[in-house]
N, C-alpha and C. Protein backbone atom coordinates (compact mmCIF):
# COMPACT_ATOMS: atom_id res chain seq x y z
N MET A 1 119.46 117.72 109.83
CA MET A 1 118.97 119.00 109.30
C MET A 1 119.46 120.14 110.18
N ILE A 2 120.14 121.08 109.56
CA ILE A 2 120.58 122.28 110.25
C ILE A 2 119.55 123.37 109.99
N ILE A 3 118.90 123.84 111.04
CA ILE A 3 117.87 124.88 110.88
C ILE A 3 118.56 126.24 110.88
N ARG A 4 118.61 126.86 109.72
CA ARG A 4 119.28 128.16 109.58
C ARG A 4 118.30 129.32 109.70
N SER A 5 117.04 129.09 109.28
CA SER A 5 116.06 130.18 109.35
C SER A 5 114.65 129.61 109.44
N ILE A 6 113.79 130.33 110.15
CA ILE A 6 112.38 129.98 110.26
C ILE A 6 111.60 131.28 110.06
N ASP A 7 110.78 131.30 109.03
CA ASP A 7 109.98 132.49 108.74
C ASP A 7 108.51 132.12 108.73
N PHE A 8 107.72 132.87 109.49
CA PHE A 8 106.28 132.63 109.51
C PHE A 8 105.68 133.31 108.29
N TYR A 9 105.23 132.51 107.33
CA TYR A 9 104.63 133.07 106.12
C TYR A 9 103.28 133.70 106.42
N GLY A 10 102.47 133.00 107.22
CA GLY A 10 101.18 133.56 107.58
C GLY A 10 100.15 132.49 107.89
N SER A 11 98.99 132.93 108.40
CA SER A 11 97.84 132.07 108.65
C SER A 11 96.86 132.26 107.51
N VAL A 12 96.47 131.15 106.90
CA VAL A 12 95.74 131.19 105.64
C VAL A 12 94.41 130.45 105.77
N VAL A 13 93.40 130.94 105.06
CA VAL A 13 92.08 130.32 105.06
C VAL A 13 91.80 129.62 103.73
N SER A 14 92.13 130.26 102.62
CA SER A 14 91.73 129.77 101.30
C SER A 14 92.91 129.69 100.35
N PRO A 15 92.75 129.01 99.20
CA PRO A 15 93.84 128.84 98.25
C PRO A 15 94.50 130.13 97.78
N LYS A 16 93.76 131.22 97.74
CA LYS A 16 94.36 132.47 97.27
C LYS A 16 95.47 132.96 98.21
N GLY A 17 95.49 132.43 99.43
CA GLY A 17 96.54 132.83 100.36
C GLY A 17 97.72 131.89 100.42
N TYR A 18 97.66 130.76 99.72
CA TYR A 18 98.75 129.81 99.75
C TYR A 18 100.01 130.43 99.13
N PRO A 19 101.19 130.04 99.60
CA PRO A 19 102.42 130.51 98.95
C PRO A 19 102.45 130.05 97.49
N ASN A 20 102.99 130.89 96.63
CA ASN A 20 103.07 130.54 95.21
C ASN A 20 104.50 130.36 94.73
N ASP A 21 105.42 130.15 95.68
CA ASP A 21 106.83 130.02 95.32
C ASP A 21 107.21 128.60 94.92
N LEU A 22 106.30 127.64 95.10
CA LEU A 22 106.49 126.25 94.71
C LEU A 22 107.54 125.51 95.55
N PHE A 23 107.97 126.07 96.69
CA PHE A 23 108.79 125.28 97.60
C PHE A 23 107.94 124.12 98.12
N PRO A 24 108.54 122.93 98.30
CA PRO A 24 107.75 121.79 98.78
C PRO A 24 107.13 122.06 100.15
N GLN A 25 105.93 121.53 100.33
CA GLN A 25 105.19 121.73 101.58
C GLN A 25 104.98 120.39 102.28
N ILE A 26 105.21 120.40 103.58
CA ILE A 26 105.00 119.23 104.43
C ILE A 26 103.84 119.53 105.35
N VAL A 27 102.73 118.82 105.18
CA VAL A 27 101.56 119.07 106.01
C VAL A 27 101.65 118.22 107.27
N LEU A 28 101.28 118.83 108.40
CA LEU A 28 101.28 118.13 109.68
C LEU A 28 99.85 118.05 110.18
N ALA A 29 99.36 116.82 110.35
CA ALA A 29 97.98 116.60 110.74
C ALA A 29 97.90 115.68 111.94
N GLY A 30 96.82 115.83 112.71
CA GLY A 30 96.62 114.97 113.87
C GLY A 30 95.48 115.47 114.73
N ARG A 31 95.12 114.68 115.71
CA ARG A 31 94.06 115.08 116.63
C ARG A 31 94.48 116.33 117.39
N SER A 32 93.49 117.04 117.86
CA SER A 32 93.75 118.34 118.48
C SER A 32 94.53 118.23 119.79
N ASN A 33 94.60 117.04 120.36
CA ASN A 33 95.34 116.88 121.63
C ASN A 33 96.56 115.97 121.48
N VAL A 34 97.08 115.85 120.26
CA VAL A 34 98.13 114.87 120.01
C VAL A 34 99.53 115.41 120.29
N GLY A 35 99.68 116.72 120.43
CA GLY A 35 100.99 117.29 120.69
C GLY A 35 101.69 117.78 119.44
N LYS A 36 100.90 118.28 118.48
CA LYS A 36 101.46 118.72 117.20
C LYS A 36 102.37 119.93 117.36
N SER A 37 101.92 120.92 118.12
CA SER A 37 102.73 122.12 118.31
C SER A 37 104.06 121.80 119.00
N SER A 38 104.00 120.93 120.00
CA SER A 38 105.23 120.53 120.69
C SER A 38 106.17 119.80 119.74
N PHE A 39 105.62 119.00 118.85
CA PHE A 39 106.44 118.29 117.85
C PHE A 39 107.13 119.29 116.92
N ILE A 40 106.38 120.26 116.43
CA ILE A 40 106.95 121.27 115.53
C ILE A 40 108.08 122.02 116.22
N ASN A 41 107.84 122.45 117.44
CA ASN A 41 108.86 123.20 118.17
C ASN A 41 110.11 122.35 118.43
N ALA A 42 109.90 121.06 118.72
CA ALA A 42 111.04 120.17 118.97
C ALA A 42 111.85 119.95 117.69
N MET A 43 111.14 119.75 116.58
CA MET A 43 111.84 119.52 115.32
C MET A 43 112.63 120.74 114.87
N LEU A 44 112.11 121.93 115.15
CA LEU A 44 112.78 123.16 114.73
C LEU A 44 113.69 123.72 115.81
N ASN A 45 113.73 123.02 116.95
CA ASN A 45 114.58 123.43 118.08
C ASN A 45 114.32 124.87 118.48
N ASN A 46 113.03 125.20 118.53
CA ASN A 46 112.61 126.55 118.90
C ASN A 46 111.25 126.46 119.55
N HIS A 47 111.17 126.74 120.84
CA HIS A 47 109.93 126.52 121.58
C HIS A 47 108.88 127.61 121.33
N LYS A 48 109.22 128.60 120.50
CA LYS A 48 108.28 129.70 120.27
C LYS A 48 107.63 129.66 118.88
N VAL A 49 107.98 128.69 118.06
CA VAL A 49 107.47 128.69 116.69
C VAL A 49 105.98 128.43 116.66
N ALA A 50 105.57 127.30 117.20
CA ALA A 50 104.15 126.94 117.22
C ALA A 50 103.63 127.11 118.65
N ARG A 51 102.45 127.65 118.76
CA ARG A 51 101.86 127.90 120.06
C ARG A 51 101.46 126.59 120.73
N VAL A 52 101.94 126.38 121.94
CA VAL A 52 101.56 125.21 122.72
C VAL A 52 100.55 125.64 123.76
N ALA A 53 99.31 125.21 123.60
CA ALA A 53 98.24 125.64 124.49
C ALA A 53 97.87 124.54 125.47
N LYS A 54 97.44 124.94 126.68
CA LYS A 54 96.95 123.96 127.65
C LYS A 54 95.63 123.38 127.19
N THR A 55 94.86 124.16 126.44
CA THR A 55 93.60 123.67 125.90
C THR A 55 93.82 123.24 124.46
N PRO A 56 93.55 121.96 124.12
CA PRO A 56 93.76 121.47 122.75
C PRO A 56 92.87 122.20 121.75
N GLY A 57 93.30 122.15 120.50
CA GLY A 57 92.46 122.67 119.42
C GLY A 57 92.57 124.15 119.19
N LYS A 58 93.73 124.76 119.51
CA LYS A 58 93.87 126.20 119.36
C LYS A 58 94.23 126.63 117.94
N THR A 59 94.73 125.70 117.12
CA THR A 59 95.03 126.05 115.74
C THR A 59 93.73 126.19 114.97
N ARG A 60 93.49 127.36 114.43
CA ARG A 60 92.21 127.63 113.76
C ARG A 60 92.37 127.86 112.25
N LEU A 61 93.62 128.05 111.81
CA LEU A 61 93.88 128.35 110.40
C LEU A 61 95.02 127.46 109.91
N LEU A 62 95.33 127.56 108.62
CA LEU A 62 96.49 126.88 108.06
C LEU A 62 97.70 127.77 108.30
N ASN A 63 98.63 127.31 109.11
CA ASN A 63 99.81 128.11 109.44
C ASN A 63 101.02 127.61 108.65
N PHE A 64 101.61 128.52 107.86
CA PHE A 64 102.74 128.17 107.00
C PHE A 64 104.04 128.70 107.61
N PHE A 65 105.00 127.80 107.82
CA PHE A 65 106.32 128.16 108.32
C PHE A 65 107.36 127.81 107.25
N LEU A 66 108.08 128.81 106.76
CA LEU A 66 109.10 128.59 105.74
C LEU A 66 110.42 128.28 106.44
N ILE A 67 110.96 127.09 106.16
CA ILE A 67 112.18 126.63 106.82
C ILE A 67 113.36 126.70 105.85
N ASN A 68 114.43 127.36 106.29
CA ASN A 68 115.67 127.45 105.51
C ASN A 68 115.45 127.99 104.10
N GLN A 69 114.39 128.78 103.94
CA GLN A 69 114.08 129.35 102.62
C GLN A 69 114.01 128.27 101.53
N SER A 70 113.55 127.06 101.94
CA SER A 70 113.54 125.97 100.95
C SER A 70 112.33 125.03 101.04
N PHE A 71 111.61 125.02 102.17
CA PHE A 71 110.43 124.18 102.29
C PHE A 71 109.55 124.69 103.42
N TYR A 72 108.30 124.23 103.43
CA TYR A 72 107.33 124.68 104.43
C TYR A 72 106.88 123.54 105.34
N PHE A 73 106.67 123.87 106.60
CA PHE A 73 105.82 123.09 107.49
C PHE A 73 104.44 123.76 107.42
N VAL A 74 103.40 122.97 107.20
CA VAL A 74 102.04 123.50 107.16
C VAL A 74 101.24 122.86 108.29
N ASP A 75 100.97 123.64 109.31
CA ASP A 75 100.24 123.18 110.50
C ASP A 75 98.75 123.42 110.27
N VAL A 76 97.98 122.33 110.20
CA VAL A 76 96.54 122.45 109.95
C VAL A 76 95.77 122.22 111.25
N PRO A 77 94.52 122.70 111.33
CA PRO A 77 93.72 122.50 112.55
C PRO A 77 93.60 121.03 112.92
N GLY A 78 93.63 120.77 114.21
CA GLY A 78 93.48 119.40 114.67
C GLY A 78 92.05 118.91 114.49
N TYR A 79 91.89 117.62 114.49
CA TYR A 79 90.56 117.04 114.39
C TYR A 79 90.28 116.23 115.66
N GLY A 80 89.02 115.86 115.86
CA GLY A 80 88.69 115.04 117.02
C GLY A 80 88.05 115.82 118.14
N PHE A 81 88.85 116.05 119.20
CA PHE A 81 88.28 116.60 120.43
C PHE A 81 88.33 118.11 120.54
N ALA A 82 88.50 118.81 119.42
CA ALA A 82 88.53 120.27 119.48
C ALA A 82 87.24 120.78 120.11
N ASN A 83 87.38 121.62 121.12
CA ASN A 83 86.22 122.11 121.87
C ASN A 83 85.62 123.31 121.16
N VAL A 84 85.02 123.04 119.99
CA VAL A 84 84.43 124.11 119.20
C VAL A 84 83.07 123.65 118.69
N ALA A 85 82.31 124.59 118.18
CA ALA A 85 80.98 124.28 117.67
C ALA A 85 81.07 123.39 116.43
N LYS A 86 79.99 122.65 116.17
CA LYS A 86 79.94 121.75 115.03
C LYS A 86 80.18 122.51 113.72
N SER A 87 79.62 123.70 113.63
CA SER A 87 79.79 124.49 112.40
C SER A 87 81.25 124.84 112.16
N GLN A 88 81.98 125.10 113.26
CA GLN A 88 83.40 125.45 113.12
C GLN A 88 84.22 124.20 112.77
N LEU A 89 83.85 123.05 113.33
CA LEU A 89 84.53 121.81 112.98
C LEU A 89 84.37 121.52 111.49
N GLU A 90 83.17 121.78 110.96
CA GLU A 90 82.93 121.58 109.53
C GLU A 90 83.77 122.55 108.71
N MET A 91 83.95 123.76 109.22
CA MET A 91 84.78 124.75 108.53
C MET A 91 86.24 124.27 108.50
N PHE A 92 86.71 123.73 109.64
CA PHE A 92 88.07 123.19 109.70
C PHE A 92 88.25 122.07 108.67
N ARG A 93 87.25 121.17 108.63
CA ARG A 93 87.32 120.03 107.71
C ARG A 93 87.39 120.51 106.26
N ASP A 94 86.55 121.47 105.94
CA ASP A 94 86.55 122.01 104.58
C ASP A 94 87.88 122.69 104.26
N MET A 95 88.42 123.40 105.24
CA MET A 95 89.68 124.12 105.05
C MET A 95 90.82 123.13 104.76
N ILE A 96 90.85 122.04 105.52
CA ILE A 96 91.90 121.04 105.34
C ILE A 96 91.74 120.32 104.00
N GLU A 97 90.51 119.91 103.70
CA GLU A 97 90.27 119.20 102.44
C GLU A 97 90.59 120.09 101.24
N THR A 98 90.23 121.37 101.34
CA THR A 98 90.53 122.30 100.25
C THR A 98 92.03 122.42 100.04
N TYR A 99 92.77 122.50 101.15
CA TYR A 99 94.23 122.58 101.04
C TYR A 99 94.80 121.31 100.41
N LEU A 100 94.38 120.15 100.89
CA LEU A 100 94.91 118.89 100.37
C LEU A 100 94.57 118.71 98.89
N GLU A 101 93.44 119.26 98.48
CA GLU A 101 93.03 119.12 97.08
C GLU A 101 93.69 120.15 96.16
N ASN A 102 94.04 121.31 96.70
CA ASN A 102 94.43 122.43 95.85
C ASN A 102 95.90 122.85 95.93
N SER A 103 96.61 122.42 96.95
CA SER A 103 98.02 122.82 97.03
C SER A 103 98.82 122.17 95.92
N ARG A 104 99.52 122.99 95.16
CA ARG A 104 100.35 122.48 94.07
C ARG A 104 101.70 121.99 94.56
N SER A 105 102.05 122.30 95.80
CA SER A 105 103.39 122.02 96.30
C SER A 105 103.41 121.02 97.44
N LEU A 106 102.27 120.44 97.76
CA LEU A 106 102.22 119.46 98.85
C LEU A 106 103.00 118.22 98.45
N ALA A 107 104.04 117.88 99.21
CA ALA A 107 104.93 116.79 98.83
C ALA A 107 105.00 115.66 99.84
N LEU A 108 104.62 115.93 101.09
CA LEU A 108 104.78 114.95 102.14
C LEU A 108 103.81 115.24 103.27
N ALA A 109 103.30 114.18 103.90
CA ALA A 109 102.42 114.34 105.06
C ALA A 109 103.05 113.71 106.29
N ILE A 110 102.92 114.42 107.40
CA ILE A 110 103.30 113.86 108.69
C ILE A 110 102.03 113.74 109.51
N LEU A 111 101.67 112.50 109.86
CA LEU A 111 100.47 112.23 110.64
C LEU A 111 100.89 111.87 112.04
N LEU A 112 100.38 112.63 113.00
CA LEU A 112 100.75 112.41 114.40
C LEU A 112 99.65 111.63 115.12
N LEU A 113 100.07 110.57 115.82
CA LEU A 113 99.18 109.74 116.62
C LEU A 113 99.73 109.65 118.04
N ASP A 114 98.85 109.62 119.01
CA ASP A 114 99.26 109.44 120.41
C ASP A 114 99.64 107.97 120.60
N MET A 115 100.89 107.71 120.94
CA MET A 115 101.38 106.35 121.03
C MET A 115 100.70 105.53 122.12
N ARG A 116 100.11 106.21 123.08
CA ARG A 116 99.51 105.49 124.21
C ARG A 116 98.19 104.83 123.84
N HIS A 117 97.62 105.19 122.69
CA HIS A 117 96.29 104.72 122.32
C HIS A 117 96.27 104.17 120.90
N LEU A 118 95.31 103.31 120.63
CA LEU A 118 95.10 102.85 119.27
C LEU A 118 94.50 103.98 118.43
N PRO A 119 94.71 103.97 117.12
CA PRO A 119 94.16 105.03 116.27
C PRO A 119 92.63 105.08 116.35
N THR A 120 92.09 106.29 116.32
CA THR A 120 90.64 106.47 116.28
C THR A 120 90.16 106.35 114.84
N GLU A 121 88.86 106.34 114.64
CA GLU A 121 88.32 106.31 113.29
C GLU A 121 88.75 107.55 112.52
N ASP A 122 88.84 108.70 113.21
CA ASP A 122 89.32 109.92 112.56
C ASP A 122 90.75 109.74 112.05
N ASP A 123 91.60 109.10 112.87
CA ASP A 123 92.98 108.84 112.46
C ASP A 123 93.04 107.94 111.23
N LEU A 124 92.25 106.89 111.26
CA LEU A 124 92.23 105.93 110.15
C LEU A 124 91.76 106.61 108.86
N GLN A 125 90.73 107.44 108.99
CA GLN A 125 90.21 108.14 107.82
C GLN A 125 91.24 109.10 107.26
N MET A 126 91.96 109.79 108.15
CA MET A 126 92.98 110.74 107.67
C MET A 126 94.10 110.01 106.95
N TYR A 127 94.54 108.89 107.49
CA TYR A 127 95.62 108.13 106.83
C TYR A 127 95.16 107.64 105.46
N ARG A 128 93.95 107.10 105.39
CA ARG A 128 93.43 106.63 104.10
C ARG A 128 93.32 107.79 103.11
N TYR A 129 92.88 108.93 103.59
CA TYR A 129 92.73 110.10 102.71
C TYR A 129 94.08 110.52 102.15
N LEU A 130 95.09 110.58 103.01
CA LEU A 130 96.42 110.98 102.56
C LEU A 130 96.98 109.99 101.55
N LYS A 131 96.75 108.71 101.78
CA LYS A 131 97.25 107.70 100.85
C LYS A 131 96.49 107.76 99.52
N ASN A 132 95.20 108.05 99.59
CA ASN A 132 94.42 108.19 98.36
C ASN A 132 94.90 109.37 97.52
N LYS A 133 95.51 110.36 98.19
CA LYS A 133 96.09 111.50 97.49
C LYS A 133 97.46 111.16 96.90
N GLY A 134 97.93 109.97 97.19
CA GLY A 134 99.22 109.54 96.67
C GLY A 134 100.41 110.11 97.42
N LEU A 135 100.19 110.56 98.65
CA LEU A 135 101.27 111.18 99.42
C LEU A 135 102.07 110.16 100.22
N PRO A 136 103.40 110.32 100.28
CA PRO A 136 104.16 109.56 101.26
C PRO A 136 103.81 110.10 102.64
N VAL A 137 103.76 109.22 103.63
CA VAL A 137 103.35 109.62 104.98
C VAL A 137 104.37 109.12 106.00
N ILE A 138 104.77 110.01 106.88
CA ILE A 138 105.55 109.62 108.06
C ILE A 138 104.59 109.69 109.25
N ILE A 139 104.43 108.58 109.95
CA ILE A 139 103.57 108.56 111.12
C ILE A 139 104.43 108.76 112.36
N ILE A 140 104.14 109.82 113.10
CA ILE A 140 104.86 110.13 114.32
C ILE A 140 104.01 109.69 115.52
N LEU A 141 104.57 108.81 116.34
CA LEU A 141 103.88 108.34 117.54
C LEU A 141 104.34 109.20 118.71
N THR A 142 103.52 110.18 119.06
CA THR A 142 103.90 111.16 120.08
C THR A 142 103.79 110.59 121.49
N LYS A 143 104.41 111.31 122.43
CA LYS A 143 104.35 111.00 123.85
C LYS A 143 104.93 109.62 124.16
N SER A 144 105.95 109.24 123.39
CA SER A 144 106.55 107.92 123.58
C SER A 144 107.26 107.80 124.93
N ASP A 145 107.61 108.94 125.52
CA ASP A 145 108.28 108.90 126.82
C ASP A 145 107.36 108.42 127.93
N LYS A 146 106.07 108.35 127.65
CA LYS A 146 105.11 107.88 128.64
C LYS A 146 105.08 106.36 128.74
N LEU A 147 105.77 105.67 127.80
CA LEU A 147 105.75 104.21 127.76
C LEU A 147 107.14 103.64 128.01
N SER A 148 107.18 102.40 128.50
CA SER A 148 108.44 101.70 128.69
C SER A 148 108.92 101.15 127.35
N GLY A 149 110.10 100.60 127.33
CA GLY A 149 110.63 100.03 126.11
C GLY A 149 109.75 98.94 125.53
N ASN A 150 109.33 98.02 126.38
CA ASN A 150 108.46 96.94 125.92
C ASN A 150 107.10 97.49 125.50
N GLY A 151 106.62 98.48 126.25
CA GLY A 151 105.34 99.09 125.92
C GLY A 151 105.38 99.78 124.56
N LYS A 152 106.49 100.43 124.25
CA LYS A 152 106.63 101.08 122.95
C LYS A 152 106.58 100.07 121.81
N ALA A 153 107.33 98.99 121.97
CA ALA A 153 107.38 97.97 120.92
C ALA A 153 106.00 97.36 120.68
N LYS A 154 105.29 97.09 121.77
CA LYS A 154 103.95 96.48 121.65
C LYS A 154 102.98 97.44 120.98
N GLN A 155 102.98 98.70 121.44
CA GLN A 155 102.06 99.69 120.88
C GLN A 155 102.37 99.97 119.41
N LYS A 156 103.62 100.05 119.07
CA LYS A 156 103.99 100.31 117.68
C LYS A 156 103.45 99.20 116.77
N GLN A 157 103.57 97.97 117.23
CA GLN A 157 103.07 96.84 116.45
C GLN A 157 101.55 96.89 116.32
N LEU A 158 100.86 97.19 117.42
CA LEU A 158 99.40 97.25 117.41
C LEU A 158 98.90 98.37 116.51
N ILE A 159 99.55 99.55 116.62
CA ILE A 159 99.12 100.70 115.81
C ILE A 159 99.37 100.44 114.33
N SER A 160 100.53 99.85 114.01
CA SER A 160 100.85 99.53 112.63
C SER A 160 99.81 98.60 112.03
N LYS A 161 99.40 97.61 112.80
CA LYS A 161 98.39 96.66 112.34
C LYS A 161 97.03 97.34 112.19
N ALA A 162 96.67 98.20 113.14
CA ALA A 162 95.36 98.86 113.12
C ALA A 162 95.22 99.81 111.94
N ILE A 163 96.30 100.50 111.62
CA ILE A 163 96.22 101.53 110.59
C ILE A 163 96.53 100.97 109.20
N LEU A 164 96.96 99.70 109.16
CA LEU A 164 97.31 99.06 107.89
C LEU A 164 98.42 99.85 107.19
N LEU A 165 99.52 100.01 107.91
CA LEU A 165 100.65 100.79 107.42
C LEU A 165 101.13 100.27 106.07
N GLN A 166 101.27 101.19 105.12
CA GLN A 166 101.68 100.84 103.76
C GLN A 166 103.16 101.16 103.54
N GLU A 167 103.80 100.34 102.73
CA GLU A 167 105.17 100.63 102.33
C GLU A 167 105.16 101.78 101.33
N PRO A 168 106.15 102.69 101.36
CA PRO A 168 107.33 102.70 102.22
C PRO A 168 107.17 103.62 103.44
N ASP A 169 105.93 103.86 103.88
CA ASP A 169 105.69 104.76 105.01
C ASP A 169 106.41 104.26 106.26
N ARG A 170 106.88 105.21 107.04
CA ARG A 170 107.59 104.89 108.28
C ARG A 170 106.76 105.32 109.48
N MET A 171 106.92 104.59 110.59
CA MET A 171 106.27 104.92 111.85
C MET A 171 107.37 105.10 112.89
N ILE A 172 107.43 106.30 113.49
CA ILE A 172 108.55 106.65 114.36
C ILE A 172 108.05 107.12 115.72
N PRO A 173 108.38 106.41 116.81
CA PRO A 173 108.06 106.91 118.15
C PRO A 173 108.80 108.22 118.39
N PHE A 174 108.15 109.15 119.11
CA PHE A 174 108.75 110.48 119.29
C PHE A 174 108.37 111.05 120.64
N SER A 175 109.33 111.70 121.27
CA SER A 175 109.08 112.41 122.52
C SER A 175 109.50 113.86 122.37
N SER A 176 108.57 114.77 122.57
CA SER A 176 108.90 116.19 122.52
C SER A 176 109.61 116.63 123.80
N VAL A 177 109.66 115.74 124.78
CA VAL A 177 110.36 116.03 126.04
C VAL A 177 111.85 115.77 125.87
N THR A 178 112.19 114.58 125.39
CA THR A 178 113.61 114.22 125.23
C THR A 178 114.18 114.69 123.90
N LYS A 179 113.34 114.80 122.88
CA LYS A 179 113.74 115.20 121.52
C LYS A 179 114.80 114.26 120.93
N ALA A 180 114.89 113.06 121.47
CA ALA A 180 115.95 112.13 121.05
C ALA A 180 115.80 111.65 119.62
N GLU A 181 114.57 111.69 119.10
CA GLU A 181 114.33 111.11 117.78
C GLU A 181 114.29 112.15 116.65
N THR A 182 114.61 113.40 116.95
CA THR A 182 114.50 114.43 115.91
C THR A 182 115.39 114.13 114.71
N SER A 183 116.60 113.65 114.94
CA SER A 183 117.50 113.36 113.82
C SER A 183 116.96 112.23 112.96
N ILE A 184 116.31 111.26 113.59
CA ILE A 184 115.73 110.14 112.84
C ILE A 184 114.61 110.63 111.93
N VAL A 185 113.78 111.52 112.47
CA VAL A 185 112.67 112.07 111.68
C VAL A 185 113.21 112.90 110.53
N TRP A 186 114.22 113.75 110.80
CA TRP A 186 114.78 114.57 109.72
C TRP A 186 115.41 113.69 108.64
N GLU A 187 116.07 112.63 109.03
CA GLU A 187 116.66 111.72 108.04
C GLU A 187 115.60 111.14 107.12
N GLN A 188 114.46 110.78 107.69
CA GLN A 188 113.38 110.23 106.88
C GLN A 188 112.78 111.30 105.96
N ILE A 189 112.61 112.51 106.50
CA ILE A 189 112.08 113.61 105.68
C ILE A 189 113.02 113.89 104.51
N GLU A 190 114.32 113.95 104.78
CA GLU A 190 115.30 114.24 103.73
C GLU A 190 115.39 113.10 102.72
N LYS A 191 115.13 111.89 103.17
CA LYS A 191 115.12 110.74 102.26
C LYS A 191 113.98 110.87 101.25
N LEU A 192 112.83 111.34 101.75
CA LEU A 192 111.65 111.48 100.89
C LEU A 192 111.69 112.77 100.08
N LEU A 193 112.34 113.80 100.63
CA LEU A 193 112.45 115.09 99.95
C LEU A 193 113.92 115.52 99.88
N PRO A 194 114.73 114.85 99.09
CA PRO A 194 116.17 115.18 99.05
C PRO A 194 116.46 116.60 98.62
N VAL A 195 115.50 117.24 97.93
CA VAL A 195 115.70 118.61 97.46
C VAL A 195 115.87 119.60 98.60
N ILE A 196 115.42 119.25 99.80
CA ILE A 196 115.49 120.19 100.91
C ILE A 196 116.81 120.10 101.67
N LYS A 197 117.65 119.14 101.33
CA LYS A 197 118.92 118.99 102.04
C LYS A 197 119.78 120.22 101.86
N SER A 198 120.38 120.68 102.94
CA SER A 198 121.30 121.80 102.86
C SER A 198 122.69 121.30 102.49
N GLU A 199 123.54 122.21 102.03
CA GLU A 199 124.90 121.83 101.68
C GLU A 199 125.64 121.27 102.88
N GLU A 200 125.35 121.83 104.06
CA GLU A 200 126.01 121.38 105.27
C GLU A 200 125.68 119.93 105.55
N ASN A 201 124.41 119.53 105.28
CA ASN A 201 124.00 118.16 105.55
C ASN A 201 124.59 117.19 104.55
N SER A 202 124.94 117.65 103.37
CA SER A 202 125.42 116.78 102.33
C SER A 202 126.90 116.44 102.47
N LYS A 203 127.60 117.19 103.29
CA LYS A 203 129.04 116.98 103.45
C LYS A 203 129.30 115.78 104.34
């Protein structure tokens, strides 16, 4: 994927603010400390796109990024360890569920899991929810640079078994430090959403 342009559409709370251009949308979900912002910045090769905070859980709204004037990354609030009040966590949950239920252009989900740990109940619930919506899912195992080669293989197998990975979903180890796997992730995204391929990529 050649990134030609990145435009911040805006931070949105409700369906009336969603883009209405019908470009396909890729939702990115994960725990608040999983490294979602770092993943977005690595994939777009721009460290300023998504805010990387020392304190997890800084995403408070649905953030829409229009890529190459052809598709969106949709960054939703993290779940799990967000250091916020219960009422705000419920607001985040409602915001995410409303988006997943109402977006007419949602085409693909990217679920981020910390490779060093087994999935939490929140992770399992999110994966089941996405599959119940009929969405293809790419599972990104973040912080893979923290593990050795054998450790990666073992954890990938354990996580796949724990989450009951369904075909044709893919599970890809990823390091936002080395960025070595970005091309692999883009290849999978383009396989699932061929409409987003640029002319340059097709040659």
